[in-house]
Amino acid sequence: MQTLKFKTNINCGGCIKAVTPTLNGEQAIQTWAVDTANPDKILTVNTDLSTEQVCALVEDAGFKAQAA
C-alpha cells in the first residue's frame, strides 16, 4: 500500500460527490480524500494502484489529475 498525491480540479463538495462512486468502487483504493482548501486541490489516495491508474480513474469520473 502506498500513499499517492495528485493535483486535481476537484474543487467543491459537488465535485467530491461526483468522483466518490468511481473512487469508492475501486477495491484497490483503501482510502482517499481531497483537500479543497489547498490551491492545488490535492487528492491523497492510499492504494496499490499506480499513479497512471489513479489518474485514469479520476479522468473517467470527469476530472483532471496529475502527480503532485
Protein backbone atom coordinates (compact mmCIF):
# COMPACT_ATOMS: atom_id res chain seq x y z
CA MET A 1 0.00 0.00 0.00
CA GLN A 2 1.32 3.41 -0.94
CA THR A 3 0.13 6.98 -0.50
CA LEU A 4 -0.12 8.95 -3.73
CA LYS A 5 -0.85 12.67 -4.09
CA PHE A 6 -2.33 14.41 -7.12
CA LYS A 7 -3.13 17.97 -8.18
CA THR A 8 -6.75 17.99 -9.36
CA ASN A 9 -9.63 20.22 -10.42
CA ILE A 10 -11.94 18.63 -7.80
CA ASN A 11 -12.78 21.89 -6.06
CA CYS A 12 -16.08 21.59 -4.18
CA GLY A 13 -18.45 19.26 -2.40
CA GLY A 14 -20.38 18.64 -5.61
CA CYS A 15 -17.17 17.57 -7.36
CA ILE A 16 -16.28 15.25 -4.50
CA LYS A 17 -19.78 13.75 -4.66
CA ALA A 18 -19.34 13.19 -8.42
CA VAL A 19 -16.00 11.38 -8.07
CA THR A 20 -16.97 9.34 -4.99
CA PRO A 21 -18.66 6.40 -6.79
CA THR A 22 -15.64 5.92 -9.04
CA LEU A 23 -13.02 6.04 -6.28
CA ASN A 24 -15.10 4.10 -3.75
CA GLY A 25 -15.86 1.50 -6.39
CA GLU A 26 -12.19 0.65 -6.91
CA GLN A 27 -11.26 -2.16 -4.49
CA ALA A 28 -7.53 -1.36 -4.70
CA ILE A 29 -8.15 2.06 -3.09
CA GLN A 30 -8.17 1.82 0.70
CA THR A 31 -8.84 5.50 1.47
CA TRP A 32 -8.89 8.80 -0.37
CA ALA A 33 -9.52 12.48 0.40
CA VAL A 34 -9.41 15.82 -1.41
CA ASP A 35 -8.08 18.95 0.27
CA THR A 36 -10.31 21.56 -1.38
CA ALA A 37 -8.75 24.30 0.79
CA ASN A 38 -5.39 23.73 -0.92
CA PRO A 39 -4.96 25.82 -4.11
CA ASP A 40 -3.89 22.65 -5.97
CA LYS A 41 -6.94 20.67 -4.70
CA ILE A 42 -4.70 17.81 -3.54
CA LEU A 43 -6.16 14.31 -3.80
CA THR A 44 -4.46 11.86 -1.42
CA VAL A 45 -5.02 8.16 -2.17
CA ASN A 46 -3.90 5.10 -0.20
CA THR A 47 -3.77 2.36 -2.81
CA ASP A 48 -1.93 -0.45 -4.55
CA LEU A 49 -2.70 1.18 -7.93
CA SER A 50 -0.11 3.03 -9.98
CA THR A 51 -0.13 6.79 -10.45
CA GLU A 52 -1.36 6.29 -14.01
CA GLN A 53 -4.23 4.04 -12.91
CA VAL A 54 -5.47 6.57 -10.34
CA CYS A 55 -5.23 9.40 -12.89
CA ALA A 56 -7.28 7.31 -15.33
CA LEU A 57 -9.97 6.71 -12.69
CA VAL A 58 -10.21 10.43 -11.89
CA GLU A 59 -10.37 11.27 -15.59
CA ASP A 60 -13.10 8.63 -16.12
CA ALA A 61 -15.10 10.49 -13.46
CA GLY A 62 -14.76 13.71 -15.49
CA PHE A 63 -11.92 15.43 -13.64
CA LYS A 64 -8.22 16.05 -14.18
CA ALA A 65 -5.38 14.69 -12.05
CA GLN A 66 -1.63 14.86 -12.24
CA ALA A 67 1.00 13.58 -9.83
CA ALA A 68 1.86 16.19 -7.22
